[in-house]
mmCIF file of all heavy atoms, coordinates in Angstrom:
data_MODEL
# 
_entry.id   MODEL 
# 
loop_
_atom_site.group_PDB 
_atom_site.id 
_atom_site.type_symbol 
_atom_site.label_atom_id 
_atom_site.label_alt_id 
_atom_site.label_comp_id 
_atom_site.label_asym_id 
_atom_site.label_entity_id 
_atom_site.label_seq_id 
_atom_site.pdbx_PDB_ins_code 
_atom_site.Cartn_x 
_atom_site.Cartn_y 
_atom_site.Cartn_z 
_atom_site.occupancy 
_atom_site.B_iso_or_equiv 
_atom_site.pdbx_formal_charge 
_atom_site.auth_seq_id 
_atom_site.auth_comp_id 
_atom_site.auth_asym_id 
_atom_site.auth_atom_id 
_atom_site.pdbx_PDB_model_num 
ATOM 1   N N   . GLU A 1 1  ? -2.296 -17.663 -15.442 1.00 0.00 ? 1  GLU A N   1 
ATOM 2   C CA  . GLU A 1 1  ? -3.357 -16.852 -14.844 1.00 0.00 ? 1  GLU A CA  1 
ATOM 3   C C   . GLU A 1 1  ? -3.182 -16.657 -13.414 1.00 0.00 ? 1  GLU A C   1 
ATOM 4   O O   . GLU A 1 1  ? -2.729 -17.547 -12.703 1.00 0.00 ? 1  GLU A O   1 
ATOM 5   C CB  . GLU A 1 1  ? -4.747 -17.496 -15.012 1.00 0.00 ? 1  GLU A CB  1 
ATOM 6   C CG  . GLU A 1 1  ? -5.867 -16.634 -14.434 1.00 0.00 ? 1  GLU A CG  1 
ATOM 7   C CD  . GLU A 1 1  ? -7.277 -17.214 -14.949 1.00 0.00 ? 1  GLU A CD  1 
ATOM 8   O OE1 . GLU A 1 1  ? -7.259 -18.136 -15.639 1.00 0.00 ? 1  GLU A OE1 1 
ATOM 9   O OE2 . GLU A 1 1  ? -8.293 -16.612 -14.420 1.00 0.00 ? 1  GLU A OE2 1 
ATOM 10  N N   . ILE A 1 2  ? -3.272 -15.444 -12.842 1.00 0.00 ? 2  ILE A N   1 
ATOM 11  C CA  . ILE A 1 2  ? -3.132 -15.182 -11.485 1.00 0.00 ? 2  ILE A CA  1 
ATOM 12  C C   . ILE A 1 2  ? -4.413 -15.034 -10.728 1.00 0.00 ? 2  ILE A C   1 
ATOM 13  O O   . ILE A 1 2  ? -5.289 -14.137 -11.323 1.00 0.00 ? 2  ILE A O   1 
ATOM 14  C CB  . ILE A 1 2  ? -2.074 -13.935 -11.183 1.00 0.00 ? 2  ILE A CB  1 
ATOM 15  C CG1 . ILE A 1 2  ? -0.754 -14.297 -11.818 1.00 0.00 ? 2  ILE A CG1 1 
ATOM 16  C CG2 . ILE A 1 2  ? -2.141 -13.576 -9.766  1.00 0.00 ? 2  ILE A CG2 1 
ATOM 17  C CD1 . ILE A 1 2  ? 0.218  -13.225 -11.592 1.00 0.00 ? 2  ILE A CD1 1 
ATOM 18  N N   . ALA A 1 3  ? -4.682 -15.529 -9.669  1.00 0.00 ? 3  ALA A N   1 
ATOM 19  C CA  . ALA A 1 3  ? -5.864 -15.378 -8.865  1.00 0.00 ? 3  ALA A CA  1 
ATOM 20  C C   . ALA A 1 3  ? -5.666 -13.947 -8.019  1.00 0.00 ? 3  ALA A C   1 
ATOM 21  O O   . ALA A 1 3  ? -4.765 -13.960 -7.274  1.00 0.00 ? 3  ALA A O   1 
ATOM 22  C CB  . ALA A 1 3  ? -6.206 -16.430 -7.966  1.00 0.00 ? 3  ALA A CB  1 
ATOM 23  N N   . ASN A 1 4  ? -6.491 -13.042 -8.275  1.00 0.00 ? 4  ASN A N   1 
ATOM 24  C CA  . ASN A 1 4  ? -6.219 -11.723 -7.683  1.00 0.00 ? 4  ASN A CA  1 
ATOM 25  C C   . ASN A 1 4  ? -6.696 -11.918 -6.154  1.00 0.00 ? 4  ASN A C   1 
ATOM 26  O O   . ASN A 1 4  ? -7.864 -12.136 -5.962  1.00 0.00 ? 4  ASN A O   1 
ATOM 27  C CB  . ASN A 1 4  ? -7.118 -10.662 -8.289  1.00 0.00 ? 4  ASN A CB  1 
ATOM 28  C CG  . ASN A 1 4  ? -6.425 -9.360  -8.355  1.00 0.00 ? 4  ASN A CG  1 
ATOM 29  O OD1 . ASN A 1 4  ? -5.640 -9.032  -7.555  1.00 0.00 ? 4  ASN A OD1 1 
ATOM 30  N ND2 . ASN A 1 4  ? -6.696 -8.588  -9.355  1.00 0.00 ? 4  ASN A ND2 1 
ATOM 31  N N   . ASP A 1 5  ? -5.854 -11.696 -5.235  1.00 0.00 ? 5  ASP A N   1 
ATOM 32  C CA  . ASP A 1 5  ? -6.006 -11.912 -3.865  1.00 0.00 ? 5  ASP A CA  1 
ATOM 33  C C   . ASP A 1 5  ? -6.343 -10.618 -3.178  1.00 0.00 ? 5  ASP A C   1 
ATOM 34  O O   . ASP A 1 5  ? -5.507 -9.586  -3.171  1.00 0.00 ? 5  ASP A O   1 
ATOM 35  C CB  . ASP A 1 5  ? -4.770 -12.607 -3.268  1.00 0.00 ? 5  ASP A CB  1 
ATOM 36  C CG  . ASP A 1 5  ? -4.871 -12.771 -1.696  1.00 0.00 ? 5  ASP A CG  1 
ATOM 37  O OD1 . ASP A 1 5  ? -6.049 -12.693 -1.265  1.00 0.00 ? 5  ASP A OD1 1 
ATOM 38  O OD2 . ASP A 1 5  ? -3.937 -12.995 -1.081  1.00 0.00 ? 5  ASP A OD2 1 
ATOM 39  N N   . GLN A 1 6  ? -7.573 -10.475 -2.665  1.00 0.00 ? 6  GLN A N   1 
ATOM 40  C CA  . GLN A 1 6  ? -8.015 -9.249  -2.086  1.00 0.00 ? 6  GLN A CA  1 
ATOM 41  C C   . GLN A 1 6  ? -7.671 -9.191  -0.661  1.00 0.00 ? 6  GLN A C   1 
ATOM 42  O O   . GLN A 1 6  ? -8.216 -8.302  0.062   1.00 0.00 ? 6  GLN A O   1 
ATOM 43  C CB  . GLN A 1 6  ? -9.529 -9.026  -2.329  1.00 0.00 ? 6  GLN A CB  1 
ATOM 44  C CG  . GLN A 1 6  ? -9.876 -8.938  -3.821  1.00 0.00 ? 6  GLN A CG  1 
ATOM 45  C CD  . GLN A 1 6  ? -9.295 -7.491  -4.384  1.00 0.00 ? 6  GLN A CD  1 
ATOM 46  O OE1 . GLN A 1 6  ? -9.465 -6.626  -3.876  1.00 0.00 ? 6  GLN A OE1 1 
ATOM 47  N NE2 . GLN A 1 6  ? -8.776 -7.751  -5.591  1.00 0.00 ? 6  GLN A NE2 1 
ATOM 48  N N   . SER A 1 7  ? -6.965 -10.082 -0.097  1.00 0.00 ? 7  SER A N   1 
ATOM 49  C CA  . SER A 1 7  ? -6.741 -10.094 1.305   1.00 0.00 ? 7  SER A CA  1 
ATOM 50  C C   . SER A 1 7  ? -5.733 -8.967  1.654   1.00 0.00 ? 7  SER A C   1 
ATOM 51  O O   . SER A 1 7  ? -5.037 -8.421  0.743   1.00 0.00 ? 7  SER A O   1 
ATOM 52  C CB  . SER A 1 7  ? -6.103 -11.395 1.855   1.00 0.00 ? 7  SER A CB  1 
ATOM 53  O OG  . SER A 1 7  ? -4.898 -11.534 1.171   1.00 0.00 ? 7  SER A OG  1 
ATOM 54  N N   . ILE A 1 8  ? -5.787 -8.461  2.881   1.00 0.00 ? 8  ILE A N   1 
ATOM 55  C CA  . ILE A 1 8  ? -5.017 -7.238  3.307   1.00 0.00 ? 8  ILE A CA  1 
ATOM 56  C C   . ILE A 1 8  ? -3.598 -7.700  3.553   1.00 0.00 ? 8  ILE A C   1 
ATOM 57  O O   . ILE A 1 8  ? -3.334 -8.629  4.217   1.00 0.00 ? 8  ILE A O   1 
ATOM 58  C CB  . ILE A 1 8  ? -5.643 -6.596  4.480   1.00 0.00 ? 8  ILE A CB  1 
ATOM 59  C CG1 . ILE A 1 8  ? -7.039 -6.067  4.133   1.00 0.00 ? 8  ILE A CG1 1 
ATOM 60  C CG2 . ILE A 1 8  ? -4.800 -5.373  5.086   1.00 0.00 ? 8  ILE A CG2 1 
ATOM 61  C CD1 . ILE A 1 8  ? -7.735 -5.606  5.169   1.00 0.00 ? 8  ILE A CD1 1 
ATOM 62  N N   . ALA A 1 9  ? -2.619 -6.854  2.941   1.00 0.00 ? 9  ALA A N   1 
ATOM 63  C CA  . ALA A 1 9  ? -1.131 -7.001  3.080   1.00 0.00 ? 9  ALA A CA  1 
ATOM 64  C C   . ALA A 1 9  ? -0.707 -6.119  4.316   1.00 0.00 ? 9  ALA A C   1 
ATOM 65  O O   . ALA A 1 9  ? 0.070  -6.593  5.096   1.00 0.00 ? 9  ALA A O   1 
ATOM 66  C CB  . ALA A 1 9  ? -0.379 -6.744  1.927   1.00 0.00 ? 9  ALA A CB  1 
ATOM 67  N N   . MET A 1 10 ? -1.203 -4.936  4.388   1.00 0.00 ? 10 MET A N   1 
ATOM 68  C CA  . MET A 1 10 ? -0.785 -3.901  5.369   1.00 0.00 ? 10 MET A CA  1 
ATOM 69  C C   . MET A 1 10 ? -1.756 -2.785  5.547   1.00 0.00 ? 10 MET A C   1 
ATOM 70  O O   . MET A 1 10 ? -2.589 -2.615  4.487   1.00 0.00 ? 10 MET A O   1 
ATOM 71  C CB  . MET A 1 10 ? 0.627  -3.417  5.170   1.00 0.00 ? 10 MET A CB  1 
ATOM 72  C CG  . MET A 1 10 ? 0.808  -2.568  3.737   1.00 0.00 ? 10 MET A CG  1 
ATOM 73  S SD  . MET A 1 10 ? 2.329  -2.049  3.455   1.00 0.00 ? 10 MET A SD  1 
ATOM 74  C CE  . MET A 1 10 ? 3.034  -3.579  2.630   1.00 0.00 ? 10 MET A CE  1 
ATOM 75  N N   . ARG A 1 11 ? -1.740 -2.102  6.574   1.00 0.00 ? 11 ARG A N   1 
ATOM 76  C CA  . ARG A 1 11 ? -2.524 -0.885  6.751   1.00 0.00 ? 11 ARG A CA  1 
ATOM 77  C C   . ARG A 1 11 ? -1.592 0.187   7.094   1.00 0.00 ? 11 ARG A C   1 
ATOM 78  O O   . ARG A 1 11 ? -0.688 0.093   7.976   1.00 0.00 ? 11 ARG A O   1 
ATOM 79  C CB  . ARG A 1 11 ? -3.563 -1.210  7.849   1.00 0.00 ? 11 ARG A CB  1 
ATOM 80  C CG  . ARG A 1 11 ? -4.741 -2.215  7.471   1.00 0.00 ? 11 ARG A CG  1 
ATOM 81  C CD  . ARG A 1 11 ? -5.587 -2.384  8.689   1.00 0.00 ? 11 ARG A CD  1 
ATOM 82  N NE  . ARG A 1 11 ? -6.832 -3.074  8.477   1.00 0.00 ? 11 ARG A NE  1 
ATOM 83  C CZ  . ARG A 1 11 ? -6.810 -4.425  8.525   1.00 0.00 ? 11 ARG A CZ  1 
ATOM 84  N NH1 . ARG A 1 11 ? -5.875 -5.095  9.027   1.00 0.00 ? 11 ARG A NH1 1 
ATOM 85  N NH2 . ARG A 1 11 ? -8.032 -5.090  8.234   1.00 0.00 ? 11 ARG A NH2 1 
ATOM 86  N N   . LEU A 1 12 ? -1.809 1.351   6.692   1.00 0.00 ? 12 LEU A N   1 
ATOM 87  C CA  . LEU A 1 12 ? -1.062 2.469   6.982   1.00 0.00 ? 12 LEU A CA  1 
ATOM 88  C C   . LEU A 1 12 ? -1.929 3.604   7.388   1.00 0.00 ? 12 LEU A C   1 
ATOM 89  O O   . LEU A 1 12 ? -2.905 3.980   6.901   1.00 0.00 ? 12 LEU A O   1 
ATOM 90  C CB  . LEU A 1 12 ? -0.355 2.927   5.574   1.00 0.00 ? 12 LEU A CB  1 
ATOM 91  C CG  . LEU A 1 12 ? 0.570  4.132   5.697   1.00 0.00 ? 12 LEU A CG  1 
ATOM 92  C CD1 . LEU A 1 12 ? 1.921  3.902   4.849   1.00 0.00 ? 12 LEU A CD1 1 
ATOM 93  C CD2 . LEU A 1 12 ? 0.111  5.456   5.344   1.00 0.00 ? 12 LEU A CD2 1 
ATOM 94  N N   . ARG A 1 13 ? -1.502 4.227   8.598   1.00 0.00 ? 13 ARG A N   1 
ATOM 95  C CA  . ARG A 1 13 ? -2.040 5.405   9.155   1.00 0.00 ? 13 ARG A CA  1 
ATOM 96  C C   . ARG A 1 13 ? -1.013 6.543   9.109   1.00 0.00 ? 13 ARG A C   1 
ATOM 97  O O   . ARG A 1 13 ? 0.174  6.438   9.602   1.00 0.00 ? 13 ARG A O   1 
ATOM 98  C CB  . ARG A 1 13 ? -2.524 5.118   10.566  1.00 0.00 ? 13 ARG A CB  1 
ATOM 99  C CG  . ARG A 1 13 ? -3.152 6.241   11.201  1.00 0.00 ? 13 ARG A CG  1 
ATOM 100 C CD  . ARG A 1 13 ? -3.957 5.874   12.525  1.00 0.00 ? 13 ARG A CD  1 
ATOM 101 N NE  . ARG A 1 13 ? -2.947 5.229   13.513  1.00 0.00 ? 13 ARG A NE  1 
ATOM 102 C CZ  . ARG A 1 13 ? -2.651 6.006   14.496  1.00 0.00 ? 13 ARG A CZ  1 
ATOM 103 N NH1 . ARG A 1 13 ? -3.034 7.339   14.663  1.00 0.00 ? 13 ARG A NH1 1 
ATOM 104 N NH2 . ARG A 1 13 ? -1.837 5.493   15.497  1.00 0.00 ? 13 ARG A NH2 1 
ATOM 105 N N   . VAL A 1 14 ? -1.400 7.768   8.374   1.00 0.00 ? 14 VAL A N   1 
ATOM 106 C CA  . VAL A 1 14 ? -0.644 8.788   8.290   1.00 0.00 ? 14 VAL A CA  1 
ATOM 107 C C   . VAL A 1 14 ? -0.638 9.657   9.539   1.00 0.00 ? 14 VAL A C   1 
ATOM 108 O O   . VAL A 1 14 ? -1.596 9.938   10.157  1.00 0.00 ? 14 VAL A O   1 
ATOM 109 C CB  . VAL A 1 14 ? -1.083 9.774   7.140   1.00 0.00 ? 14 VAL A CB  1 
ATOM 110 C CG1 . VAL A 1 14 ? -0.280 11.030  7.162   1.00 0.00 ? 14 VAL A CG1 1 
ATOM 111 C CG2 . VAL A 1 14 ? -1.072 9.021   5.803   1.00 0.00 ? 14 VAL A CG2 1 
ATOM 112 N N   . LEU A 1 15 ? 0.573  9.856   10.130  1.00 0.00 ? 15 LEU A N   1 
ATOM 113 C CA  . LEU A 1 15 ? 0.846  10.590  11.339  1.00 0.00 ? 15 LEU A CA  1 
ATOM 114 C C   . LEU A 1 15 ? 1.090  12.074  11.187  1.00 0.00 ? 15 LEU A C   1 
ATOM 115 O O   . LEU A 1 15 ? 0.803  12.837  11.958  1.00 0.00 ? 15 LEU A O   1 
ATOM 116 C CB  . LEU A 1 15 ? 1.801  9.934   12.287  1.00 0.00 ? 15 LEU A CB  1 
ATOM 117 C CG  . LEU A 1 15 ? 1.548  8.409   12.528  1.00 0.00 ? 15 LEU A CG  1 
ATOM 118 C CD1 . LEU A 1 15 ? 2.696  7.878   13.368  1.00 0.00 ? 15 LEU A CD1 1 
ATOM 119 C CD2 . LEU A 1 15 ? 0.317  8.267   13.360  1.00 0.00 ? 15 LEU A CD2 1 
ATOM 120 N N   . GLU A 1 16 ? 1.640  12.264  9.961   1.00 0.00 ? 16 GLU A N   1 
ATOM 121 C CA  . GLU A 1 16 ? 2.324  13.670  9.639   1.00 0.00 ? 16 GLU A CA  1 
ATOM 122 C C   . GLU A 1 16 ? 2.597  13.845  8.166   1.00 0.00 ? 16 GLU A C   1 
ATOM 123 O O   . GLU A 1 16 ? 3.284  12.824  7.582   1.00 0.00 ? 16 GLU A O   1 
ATOM 124 C CB  . GLU A 1 16 ? 3.579  13.825  10.471  1.00 0.00 ? 16 GLU A CB  1 
ATOM 125 C CG  . GLU A 1 16 ? 4.236  15.307  10.215  1.00 0.00 ? 16 GLU A CG  1 
ATOM 126 C CD  . GLU A 1 16 ? 5.502  15.459  10.949  1.00 0.00 ? 16 GLU A CD  1 
ATOM 127 O OE1 . GLU A 1 16 ? 5.700  14.908  12.003  1.00 0.00 ? 16 GLU A OE1 1 
ATOM 128 O OE2 . GLU A 1 16 ? 6.409  16.112  10.310  1.00 0.00 ? 16 GLU A OE2 1 
ATOM 129 N N   . GLY A 1 17 ? 1.939  14.685  7.507   1.00 0.00 ? 17 GLY A N   1 
ATOM 130 C CA  . GLY A 1 17 ? 2.151  14.901  6.183   1.00 0.00 ? 17 GLY A CA  1 
ATOM 131 C C   . GLY A 1 17 ? 0.876  14.690  5.327   1.00 0.00 ? 17 GLY A C   1 
ATOM 132 O O   . GLY A 1 17 ? -0.148 14.307  5.932   1.00 0.00 ? 17 GLY A O   1 
ATOM 133 N N   . GLN A 1 18 ? 0.995  14.864  3.964   1.00 0.00 ? 18 GLN A N   1 
ATOM 134 C CA  . GLN A 1 18 ? -0.064 14.754  3.120   1.00 0.00 ? 18 GLN A CA  1 
ATOM 135 C C   . GLN A 1 18 ? -0.161 13.229  2.501   1.00 0.00 ? 18 GLN A C   1 
ATOM 136 O O   . GLN A 1 18 ? 0.818  12.834  1.999   1.00 0.00 ? 18 GLN A O   1 
ATOM 137 C CB  . GLN A 1 18 ? -0.050 15.612  2.076   1.00 0.00 ? 18 GLN A CB  1 
ATOM 138 C CG  . GLN A 1 18 ? -1.228 15.781  1.104   1.00 0.00 ? 18 GLN A CG  1 
ATOM 139 C CD  . GLN A 1 18 ? -2.513 16.409  1.936   1.00 0.00 ? 18 GLN A CD  1 
ATOM 140 O OE1 . GLN A 1 18 ? -2.341 17.165  2.805   1.00 0.00 ? 18 GLN A OE1 1 
ATOM 141 N NE2 . GLN A 1 18 ? -3.630 15.965  1.496   1.00 0.00 ? 18 GLN A NE2 1 
ATOM 142 N N   . ALA A 1 19 ? -1.390 12.664  2.670   1.00 0.00 ? 19 ALA A N   1 
ATOM 143 C CA  . ALA A 1 19 ? -1.591 11.284  2.051   1.00 0.00 ? 19 ALA A CA  1 
ATOM 144 C C   . ALA A 1 19 ? -1.870 11.485  0.603   1.00 0.00 ? 19 ALA A C   1 
ATOM 145 O O   . ALA A 1 19 ? -2.814 12.003  0.167   1.00 0.00 ? 19 ALA A O   1 
ATOM 146 C CB  . ALA A 1 19 ? -2.715 10.495  2.793   1.00 0.00 ? 19 ALA A CB  1 
ATOM 147 N N   . ASP A 1 20 ? -0.985 10.774  -0.255  1.00 0.00 ? 20 ASP A N   1 
ATOM 148 C CA  . ASP A 1 20 ? -1.300 10.726  -1.731  1.00 0.00 ? 20 ASP A CA  1 
ATOM 149 C C   . ASP A 1 20 ? -0.906 9.245   -2.136  1.00 0.00 ? 20 ASP A C   1 
ATOM 150 O O   . ASP A 1 20 ? 0.202  8.934   -2.563  1.00 0.00 ? 20 ASP A O   1 
ATOM 151 C CB  . ASP A 1 20 ? -0.506 11.728  -2.436  1.00 0.00 ? 20 ASP A CB  1 
ATOM 152 C CG  . ASP A 1 20 ? -0.889 11.817  -4.011  1.00 0.00 ? 20 ASP A CG  1 
ATOM 153 O OD1 . ASP A 1 20 ? -1.640 10.905  -4.319  1.00 0.00 ? 20 ASP A OD1 1 
ATOM 154 O OD2 . ASP A 1 20 ? -0.206 12.574  -4.599  1.00 0.00 ? 20 ASP A OD2 1 
ATOM 155 N N   . PRO A 1 21 ? -1.740 8.366   -2.209  1.00 0.00 ? 21 PRO A N   1 
ATOM 156 C CA  . PRO A 1 21 ? -1.438 6.921   -2.425  1.00 0.00 ? 21 PRO A CA  1 
ATOM 157 C C   . PRO A 1 21 ? -0.885 6.693   -3.745  1.00 0.00 ? 21 PRO A C   1 
ATOM 158 O O   . PRO A 1 21 ? -0.266 5.748   -3.998  1.00 0.00 ? 21 PRO A O   1 
ATOM 159 C CB  . PRO A 1 21 ? -2.841 6.169   -2.386  1.00 0.00 ? 21 PRO A CB  1 
ATOM 160 C CG  . PRO A 1 21 ? -3.661 6.986   -1.374  1.00 0.00 ? 21 PRO A CG  1 
ATOM 161 C CD  . PRO A 1 21 ? -3.277 8.382   -1.588  1.00 0.00 ? 21 PRO A CD  1 
ATOM 162 N N   . ARG A 1 22 ? -1.145 7.629   -4.739  1.00 0.00 ? 22 ARG A N   1 
ATOM 163 C CA  . ARG A 1 22 ? -0.417 7.525   -6.056  1.00 0.00 ? 22 ARG A CA  1 
ATOM 164 C C   . ARG A 1 22 ? 0.972  7.490   -6.032  1.00 0.00 ? 22 ARG A C   1 
ATOM 165 O O   . ARG A 1 22 ? 1.624  6.905   -6.899  1.00 0.00 ? 22 ARG A O   1 
ATOM 166 C CB  . ARG A 1 22 ? -0.944 8.580   -6.917  1.00 0.00 ? 22 ARG A CB  1 
ATOM 167 C CG  . ARG A 1 22 ? -2.411 8.673   -7.257  1.00 0.00 ? 22 ARG A CG  1 
ATOM 168 C CD  . ARG A 1 22 ? -2.869 9.881   -8.102  1.00 0.00 ? 22 ARG A CD  1 
ATOM 169 N NE  . ARG A 1 22 ? -2.568 11.145  -7.339  1.00 0.00 ? 22 ARG A NE  1 
ATOM 170 C CZ  . ARG A 1 22 ? -2.736 12.196  -7.800  1.00 0.00 ? 22 ARG A CZ  1 
ATOM 171 N NH1 . ARG A 1 22 ? -3.118 12.477  -8.925  1.00 0.00 ? 22 ARG A NH1 1 
ATOM 172 N NH2 . ARG A 1 22 ? -2.403 13.330  -7.032  1.00 0.00 ? 22 ARG A NH2 1 
ATOM 173 N N   . GLN A 1 23 ? 1.527  8.087   -4.982  1.00 0.00 ? 23 GLN A N   1 
ATOM 174 C CA  . GLN A 1 23 ? 3.041  8.221   -4.851  1.00 0.00 ? 23 GLN A CA  1 
ATOM 175 C C   . GLN A 1 23 ? 3.477  7.049   -4.043  1.00 0.00 ? 23 GLN A C   1 
ATOM 176 O O   . GLN A 1 23 ? 4.814  6.916   -3.817  1.00 0.00 ? 23 GLN A O   1 
ATOM 177 C CB  . GLN A 1 23 ? 3.402  9.533   -4.189  1.00 0.00 ? 23 GLN A CB  1 
ATOM 178 C CG  . GLN A 1 23 ? 2.954  10.715  -4.972  1.00 0.00 ? 23 GLN A CG  1 
ATOM 179 C CD  . GLN A 1 23 ? 3.314  12.063  -4.306  1.00 0.00 ? 23 GLN A CD  1 
ATOM 180 O OE1 . GLN A 1 23 ? 3.566  12.056  -3.029  1.00 0.00 ? 23 GLN A OE1 1 
ATOM 181 N NE2 . GLN A 1 23 ? 3.356  13.173  -5.004  1.00 0.00 ? 23 GLN A NE2 1 
ATOM 182 N N   . TRP A 1 24 ? 2.798  6.271   -3.565  1.00 0.00 ? 24 TRP A N   1 
ATOM 183 C CA  . TRP A 1 24 ? 3.344  5.226   -2.502  1.00 0.00 ? 24 TRP A CA  1 
ATOM 184 C C   . TRP A 1 24 ? 3.823  4.021   -3.152  1.00 0.00 ? 24 TRP A C   1 
ATOM 185 O O   . TRP A 1 24 ? 3.059  3.191   -3.866  1.00 0.00 ? 24 TRP A O   1 
ATOM 186 C CB  . TRP A 1 24 ? 2.058  4.715   -1.549  1.00 0.00 ? 24 TRP A CB  1 
ATOM 187 C CG  . TRP A 1 24 ? 1.820  5.939   -0.736  1.00 0.00 ? 24 TRP A CG  1 
ATOM 188 C CD1 . TRP A 1 24 ? 2.247  7.277   -0.455  1.00 0.00 ? 24 TRP A CD1 1 
ATOM 189 C CD2 . TRP A 1 24 ? 0.718  6.080   0.238   1.00 0.00 ? 24 TRP A CD2 1 
ATOM 190 N NE1 . TRP A 1 24 ? 1.793  7.933   0.494   1.00 0.00 ? 24 TRP A NE1 1 
ATOM 191 C CE2 . TRP A 1 24 ? 0.613  7.238   0.950   1.00 0.00 ? 24 TRP A CE2 1 
ATOM 192 C CE3 . TRP A 1 24 ? -0.401 5.008   0.539   1.00 0.00 ? 24 TRP A CE3 1 
ATOM 193 C CZ2 . TRP A 1 24 ? -0.237 7.638   1.906   1.00 0.00 ? 24 TRP A CZ2 1 
ATOM 194 C CZ3 . TRP A 1 24 ? -1.330 5.448   1.615   1.00 0.00 ? 24 TRP A CZ3 1 
ATOM 195 C CH2 . TRP A 1 24 ? -1.258 6.666   2.192   1.00 0.00 ? 24 TRP A CH2 1 
ATOM 196 N N   . TYR A 1 25 ? 5.123  3.786   -3.027  1.00 0.00 ? 25 TYR A N   1 
ATOM 197 C CA  . TYR A 1 25 ? 5.721  2.593   -3.569  1.00 0.00 ? 25 TYR A CA  1 
ATOM 198 C C   . TYR A 1 25 ? 6.487  1.935   -2.311  1.00 0.00 ? 25 TYR A C   1 
ATOM 199 O O   . TYR A 1 25 ? 7.389  2.568   -1.717  1.00 0.00 ? 25 TYR A O   1 
ATOM 200 C CB  . TYR A 1 25 ? 6.838  2.808   -4.693  1.00 0.00 ? 25 TYR A CB  1 
ATOM 201 C CG  . TYR A 1 25 ? 6.191  3.187   -5.962  1.00 0.00 ? 25 TYR A CG  1 
ATOM 202 C CD1 . TYR A 1 25 ? 5.686  4.377   -6.221  1.00 0.00 ? 25 TYR A CD1 1 
ATOM 203 C CD2 . TYR A 1 25 ? 6.151  2.107   -6.894  1.00 0.00 ? 25 TYR A CD2 1 
ATOM 204 C CE1 . TYR A 1 25 ? 5.141  4.675   -7.536  1.00 0.00 ? 25 TYR A CE1 1 
ATOM 205 C CE2 . TYR A 1 25 ? 5.582  2.363   -8.094  1.00 0.00 ? 25 TYR A CE2 1 
ATOM 206 C CZ  . TYR A 1 25 ? 5.078  3.628   -8.430  1.00 0.00 ? 25 TYR A CZ  1 
ATOM 207 O OH  . TYR A 1 25 ? 4.552  3.898   -9.654  1.00 0.00 ? 25 TYR A OH  1 
ATOM 208 N N   . PHE A 1 26 ? 5.957  0.753   -1.984  1.00 0.00 ? 26 PHE A N   1 
ATOM 209 C CA  . PHE A 1 26 ? 6.579  0.025   -0.808  1.00 0.00 ? 26 PHE A CA  1 
ATOM 210 C C   . PHE A 1 26 ? 7.588  -0.925  -1.263  1.00 0.00 ? 26 PHE A C   1 
ATOM 211 O O   . PHE A 1 26 ? 7.235  -1.953  -1.864  1.00 0.00 ? 26 PHE A O   1 
ATOM 212 C CB  . PHE A 1 26 ? 5.491  -0.766  -0.066  1.00 0.00 ? 26 PHE A CB  1 
ATOM 213 C CG  . PHE A 1 26 ? 4.422  0.123   0.528   1.00 0.00 ? 26 PHE A CG  1 
ATOM 214 C CD1 . PHE A 1 26 ? 3.327  0.516   -0.191  1.00 0.00 ? 26 PHE A CD1 1 
ATOM 215 C CD2 . PHE A 1 26 ? 4.443  0.561   1.858   1.00 0.00 ? 26 PHE A CD2 1 
ATOM 216 C CE1 . PHE A 1 26 ? 2.397  1.310   0.360   1.00 0.00 ? 26 PHE A CE1 1 
ATOM 217 C CE2 . PHE A 1 26 ? 3.547  1.429   2.399   1.00 0.00 ? 26 PHE A CE2 1 
ATOM 218 C CZ  . PHE A 1 26 ? 2.522  1.849   1.673   1.00 0.00 ? 26 PHE A CZ  1 
ATOM 219 N N   . ARG A 1 27 ? 8.772  -0.594  -1.133  1.00 0.00 ? 27 ARG A N   1 
ATOM 220 C CA  . ARG A 1 27 ? 9.957  -1.251  -1.589  1.00 0.00 ? 27 ARG A CA  1 
ATOM 221 C C   . ARG A 1 27 ? 10.264 -2.701  -1.011  1.00 0.00 ? 27 ARG A C   1 
ATOM 222 O O   . ARG A 1 27 ? 10.316 -2.736  0.238   1.00 0.00 ? 27 ARG A O   1 
ATOM 223 C CB  . ARG A 1 27 ? 11.190 -0.434  -1.378  1.00 0.00 ? 27 ARG A CB  1 
ATOM 224 C CG  . ARG A 1 27 ? 12.417 -0.874  -2.196  1.00 0.00 ? 27 ARG A CG  1 
ATOM 225 C CD  . ARG A 1 27 ? 13.587 -0.011  -1.961  1.00 0.00 ? 27 ARG A CD  1 
ATOM 226 N NE  . ARG A 1 27 ? 14.816 -0.222  -2.806  1.00 0.00 ? 27 ARG A NE  1 
ATOM 227 C CZ  . ARG A 1 27 ? 15.073 0.139   -3.960  1.00 0.00 ? 27 ARG A CZ  1 
ATOM 228 N NH1 . ARG A 1 27 ? 14.028 0.995   -4.530  1.00 0.00 ? 27 ARG A NH1 1 
ATOM 229 N NH2 . ARG A 1 27 ? 16.094 -0.176  -4.716  1.00 0.00 ? 27 ARG A NH2 1 
ATOM 230 N N   . GLY A 1 28 ? 10.119 -3.691  -1.841  1.00 0.00 ? 28 GLY A N   1 
ATOM 231 C CA  . GLY A 1 28 ? 10.485 -4.968  -1.260  1.00 0.00 ? 28 GLY A CA  1 
ATOM 232 C C   . GLY A 1 28 ? 11.623 -5.674  -2.019  1.00 0.00 ? 28 GLY A C   1 
ATOM 233 O O   . GLY A 1 28 ? 12.652 -4.827  -2.278  1.00 0.00 ? 28 GLY A O   1 
ATOM 234 N N   . PRO A 1 29 ? 11.647 -6.863  -2.279  1.00 0.00 ? 29 PRO A N   1 
ATOM 235 C CA  . PRO A 1 29 ? 12.896 -7.464  -2.952  1.00 0.00 ? 29 PRO A CA  1 
ATOM 236 C C   . PRO A 1 29 ? 13.226 -6.845  -4.231  1.00 0.00 ? 29 PRO A C   1 
ATOM 237 O O   . PRO A 1 29 ? 12.352 -6.445  -5.097  1.00 0.00 ? 29 PRO A O   1 
ATOM 238 C CB  . PRO A 1 29 ? 12.367 -8.966  -3.271  1.00 0.00 ? 29 PRO A CB  1 
ATOM 239 C CG  . PRO A 1 29 ? 11.260 -9.145  -2.350  1.00 0.00 ? 29 PRO A CG  1 
ATOM 240 C CD  . PRO A 1 29 ? 10.563 -7.864  -2.206  1.00 0.00 ? 29 PRO A CD  1 
# 
């Protein structure tokens, strides 16, 4: 079982372009 952590990992502010979080994949390991 995983405890769902609601703490904030990052914040994003759009400077230019259209915001569509459905398309947002933040590439990690």
